[in-house]
Every structure is written in C-alpha cells, then in structure tokens.
C-alpha cells in the first residue's frame, strides 16, 4: 500500500463520520516531550521503529501518521 497525503480537515471529516482511524504519532522524542499536544489513543512509535513494530498497527482501518 502507498502512503497518501491527507489534510487535518480530511482526518476530522473521517473521524466525524465515524470512520475507524488509527493515529500514529511518529514525532522524534524531543518534539514529543516538548509538545503540549498529545492525542489520546494515538500509537506512539518512532519512524525508524515502524518496520519492527508493524504488528501493533491495525490493518482494518485508515492509518494516519503525523510528525514534525
């Protein structure tokens, strides 16, 4: 599967419509630690860990990855 860009407005529309979405927070540790914004329920995973932790990412829904 290929990554597809999505806007925050599109994510909100999907969430408001009840579409199941997994949020994957791939921010670097420093950015995550210093941020006041942390989305409840998001999976916290560094980008370089994804390949080793694929089993933690649901395959039955849209996965939205975000970072800084």
N, C-alpha and C. Protein backbone atom coordinates (compact mmCIF):
# COMPACT_ATOMS: atom_id res chain seq x y z
N UNK A 1 0.84 -1.17 0.00
CA UNK A 1 0.00 0.00 0.00
C UNK A 1 0.89 1.24 0.00
N UNK A 2 0.48 2.26 -0.76
CA UNK A 2 1.24 3.50 -0.85
C UNK A 2 0.68 4.55 0.11
N UNK A 3 1.56 5.33 0.71
CA UNK A 3 1.10 6.44 1.54
C UNK A 3 0.38 7.47 0.68
N UNK A 4 -0.66 8.05 1.23
CA UNK A 4 -1.44 9.08 0.56
C UNK A 4 -1.53 10.29 1.47
N UNK A 5 -1.13 11.46 1.00
CA UNK A 5 -1.25 12.66 1.85
C UNK A 5 -2.71 12.92 2.22
N UNK A 6 -2.91 13.44 3.42
CA UNK A 6 -4.25 13.76 3.90
C UNK A 6 -4.14 15.03 4.75
N UNK A 7 -5.12 15.90 4.64
CA UNK A 7 -5.11 17.13 5.43
C UNK A 7 -5.75 16.89 6.79
N UNK A 8 -5.50 17.77 7.73
CA UNK A 8 -6.13 17.64 9.05
C UNK A 8 -7.64 17.78 8.93
N UNK A 9 -8.11 18.57 7.97
CA UNK A 9 -9.55 18.71 7.75
C UNK A 9 -10.17 17.40 7.27
N UNK A 10 -9.45 16.69 6.39
CA UNK A 10 -9.93 15.40 5.90
C UNK A 10 -9.96 14.37 7.02
N UNK A 11 -8.95 14.40 7.88
CA UNK A 11 -8.93 13.48 9.03
C UNK A 11 -10.13 13.75 9.92
N UNK A 12 -10.39 15.02 10.20
CA UNK A 12 -11.53 15.39 11.05
C UNK A 12 -12.84 14.93 10.41
N UNK A 13 -13.00 15.10 9.11
CA UNK A 13 -14.21 14.66 8.42
C UNK A 13 -14.41 13.16 8.59
N UNK A 14 -13.34 12.39 8.41
CA UNK A 14 -13.42 10.94 8.55
C UNK A 14 -13.81 10.57 9.99
N UNK A 15 -13.20 11.24 10.95
CA UNK A 15 -13.49 10.95 12.36
C UNK A 15 -14.94 11.32 12.69
N UNK A 16 -15.38 12.50 12.21
CA UNK A 16 -16.75 12.94 12.46
C UNK A 16 -17.77 12.00 11.82
N UNK A 17 -17.39 11.36 10.71
CA UNK A 17 -18.28 10.43 10.03
C UNK A 17 -18.27 9.04 10.68
N UNK A 18 -17.42 8.87 11.69
CA UNK A 18 -17.36 7.59 12.39
C UNK A 18 -16.47 6.55 11.73
N UNK A 19 -15.67 6.98 10.76
CA UNK A 19 -14.75 6.05 10.11
C UNK A 19 -13.66 5.66 11.10
N UNK A 20 -13.38 4.37 11.22
CA UNK A 20 -12.31 3.96 12.15
C UNK A 20 -10.95 4.39 11.62
N UNK A 21 -10.22 5.11 12.46
CA UNK A 21 -8.91 5.64 12.10
C UNK A 21 -7.93 5.34 13.23
N UNK A 22 -6.73 4.96 12.86
CA UNK A 22 -5.65 4.83 13.83
C UNK A 22 -4.69 5.99 13.60
N UNK A 23 -4.37 6.71 14.67
CA UNK A 23 -3.40 7.79 14.59
C UNK A 23 -2.05 7.27 15.08
N UNK A 24 -1.03 7.49 14.29
CA UNK A 24 0.32 7.02 14.60
C UNK A 24 1.21 8.24 14.78
N UNK A 25 1.62 8.51 16.00
CA UNK A 25 2.45 9.66 16.34
C UNK A 25 3.91 9.26 16.18
N UNK A 26 4.55 9.77 15.11
CA UNK A 26 5.93 9.40 14.82
C UNK A 26 6.90 10.54 15.10
N UNK A 27 6.52 11.45 15.99
CA UNK A 27 7.42 12.56 16.31
C UNK A 27 8.67 12.07 17.03
N UNK A 28 9.76 12.75 16.77
CA UNK A 28 11.00 12.46 17.47
C UNK A 28 10.81 12.72 18.97
N UNK A 29 11.58 12.04 19.79
CA UNK A 29 11.42 12.13 21.24
C UNK A 29 11.45 13.56 21.75
N UNK A 30 12.37 14.38 21.26
CA UNK A 30 12.48 15.75 21.72
C UNK A 30 11.22 16.55 21.38
N UNK A 31 10.71 16.38 20.17
CA UNK A 31 9.49 17.09 19.75
C UNK A 31 8.30 16.62 20.57
N UNK A 32 8.20 15.32 20.82
CA UNK A 32 7.09 14.77 21.58
C UNK A 32 7.14 15.25 23.02
N UNK A 33 8.32 15.19 23.62
CA UNK A 33 8.48 15.61 25.01
C UNK A 33 8.15 17.08 25.23
N UNK A 34 8.51 17.92 24.27
CA UNK A 34 8.29 19.36 24.43
C UNK A 34 6.90 19.82 23.99
N UNK A 35 6.12 18.94 23.40
CA UNK A 35 4.80 19.32 22.91
C UNK A 35 3.75 19.28 24.01
N UNK A 36 2.86 20.27 23.99
CA UNK A 36 1.72 20.26 24.91
C UNK A 36 0.56 19.47 24.32
N UNK A 37 0.66 19.13 23.03
CA UNK A 37 -0.42 18.42 22.34
C UNK A 37 -0.04 16.96 22.16
N UNK A 38 -0.83 16.11 22.76
CA UNK A 38 -0.68 14.67 22.60
C UNK A 38 -2.09 14.12 22.42
N UNK A 39 -2.32 13.43 21.32
CA UNK A 39 -3.67 12.95 21.00
C UNK A 39 -3.93 11.64 21.73
N UNK A 40 -4.97 11.64 22.54
CA UNK A 40 -5.35 10.44 23.28
C UNK A 40 -5.66 9.31 22.31
N UNK A 41 -5.12 8.15 22.59
CA UNK A 41 -5.40 6.97 21.77
C UNK A 41 -4.43 6.78 20.61
N UNK A 42 -3.59 7.78 20.34
CA UNK A 42 -2.62 7.63 19.25
C UNK A 42 -1.55 6.62 19.66
N UNK A 43 -1.07 5.88 18.68
CA UNK A 43 0.03 4.95 18.91
C UNK A 43 1.32 5.74 18.79
N UNK A 44 2.14 5.70 19.79
CA UNK A 44 3.43 6.41 19.81
C UNK A 44 4.50 5.48 19.28
N UNK A 45 5.11 5.86 18.14
CA UNK A 45 6.09 5.00 17.51
C UNK A 45 7.03 5.85 16.67
N UNK A 46 8.30 5.75 16.90
CA UNK A 46 9.27 6.49 16.09
C UNK A 46 9.28 5.92 14.67
N UNK A 47 9.54 6.77 13.70
CA UNK A 47 9.51 6.36 12.30
C UNK A 47 10.44 5.18 12.03
N UNK A 48 11.60 5.17 12.66
CA UNK A 48 12.54 4.07 12.41
C UNK A 48 12.18 2.79 13.16
N UNK A 49 11.11 2.80 13.94
CA UNK A 49 10.64 1.59 14.64
C UNK A 49 9.51 0.89 13.91
N UNK A 50 8.91 1.56 12.93
CA UNK A 50 7.71 1.03 12.29
C UNK A 50 7.92 -0.37 11.74
N UNK A 51 8.99 -0.60 11.00
CA UNK A 51 9.22 -1.91 10.39
C UNK A 51 9.27 -3.03 11.43
N UNK A 52 9.82 -2.76 12.61
CA UNK A 52 9.92 -3.79 13.65
C UNK A 52 8.62 -3.93 14.45
N UNK A 53 7.71 -2.95 14.35
CA UNK A 53 6.51 -2.96 15.19
C UNK A 53 5.21 -2.99 14.37
N UNK A 54 5.30 -3.48 13.14
CA UNK A 54 4.13 -3.50 12.25
C UNK A 54 2.92 -4.20 12.85
N UNK A 55 3.16 -5.23 13.66
CA UNK A 55 2.04 -5.99 14.24
C UNK A 55 1.18 -5.14 15.17
N UNK A 56 1.69 -4.00 15.63
CA UNK A 56 0.94 -3.11 16.52
C UNK A 56 0.00 -2.16 15.76
N UNK A 57 0.15 -2.12 14.44
CA UNK A 57 -0.64 -1.19 13.63
C UNK A 57 -1.82 -1.94 13.02
N UNK A 58 -3.05 -1.55 13.36
CA UNK A 58 -4.23 -2.23 12.79
C UNK A 58 -4.24 -2.14 11.27
N UNK A 59 -4.68 -3.21 10.63
CA UNK A 59 -4.73 -3.26 9.17
C UNK A 59 -6.15 -3.13 8.64
N UNK A 60 -7.10 -2.97 9.53
CA UNK A 60 -8.51 -2.94 9.12
C UNK A 60 -9.08 -1.52 9.09
N UNK A 61 -8.22 -0.53 9.05
CA UNK A 61 -8.67 0.85 9.08
C UNK A 61 -7.61 1.78 8.48
N UNK A 62 -8.01 3.01 8.26
CA UNK A 62 -7.07 4.02 7.79
C UNK A 62 -6.08 4.33 8.90
N UNK A 63 -4.80 4.40 8.55
CA UNK A 63 -3.76 4.77 9.50
C UNK A 63 -3.23 6.15 9.08
N UNK A 64 -3.28 7.10 10.01
CA UNK A 64 -2.80 8.44 9.76
C UNK A 64 -1.56 8.65 10.60
N UNK A 65 -0.44 8.86 9.94
CA UNK A 65 0.83 9.09 10.62
C UNK A 65 1.13 10.58 10.63
N UNK A 66 1.58 11.09 11.76
CA UNK A 66 1.95 12.50 11.82
C UNK A 66 3.25 12.65 12.59
N UNK A 67 3.98 13.70 12.22
CA UNK A 67 5.25 14.01 12.88
C UNK A 67 5.56 15.48 12.65
N UNK A 68 6.71 15.91 13.16
CA UNK A 68 7.14 17.29 12.95
C UNK A 68 8.38 17.32 12.09
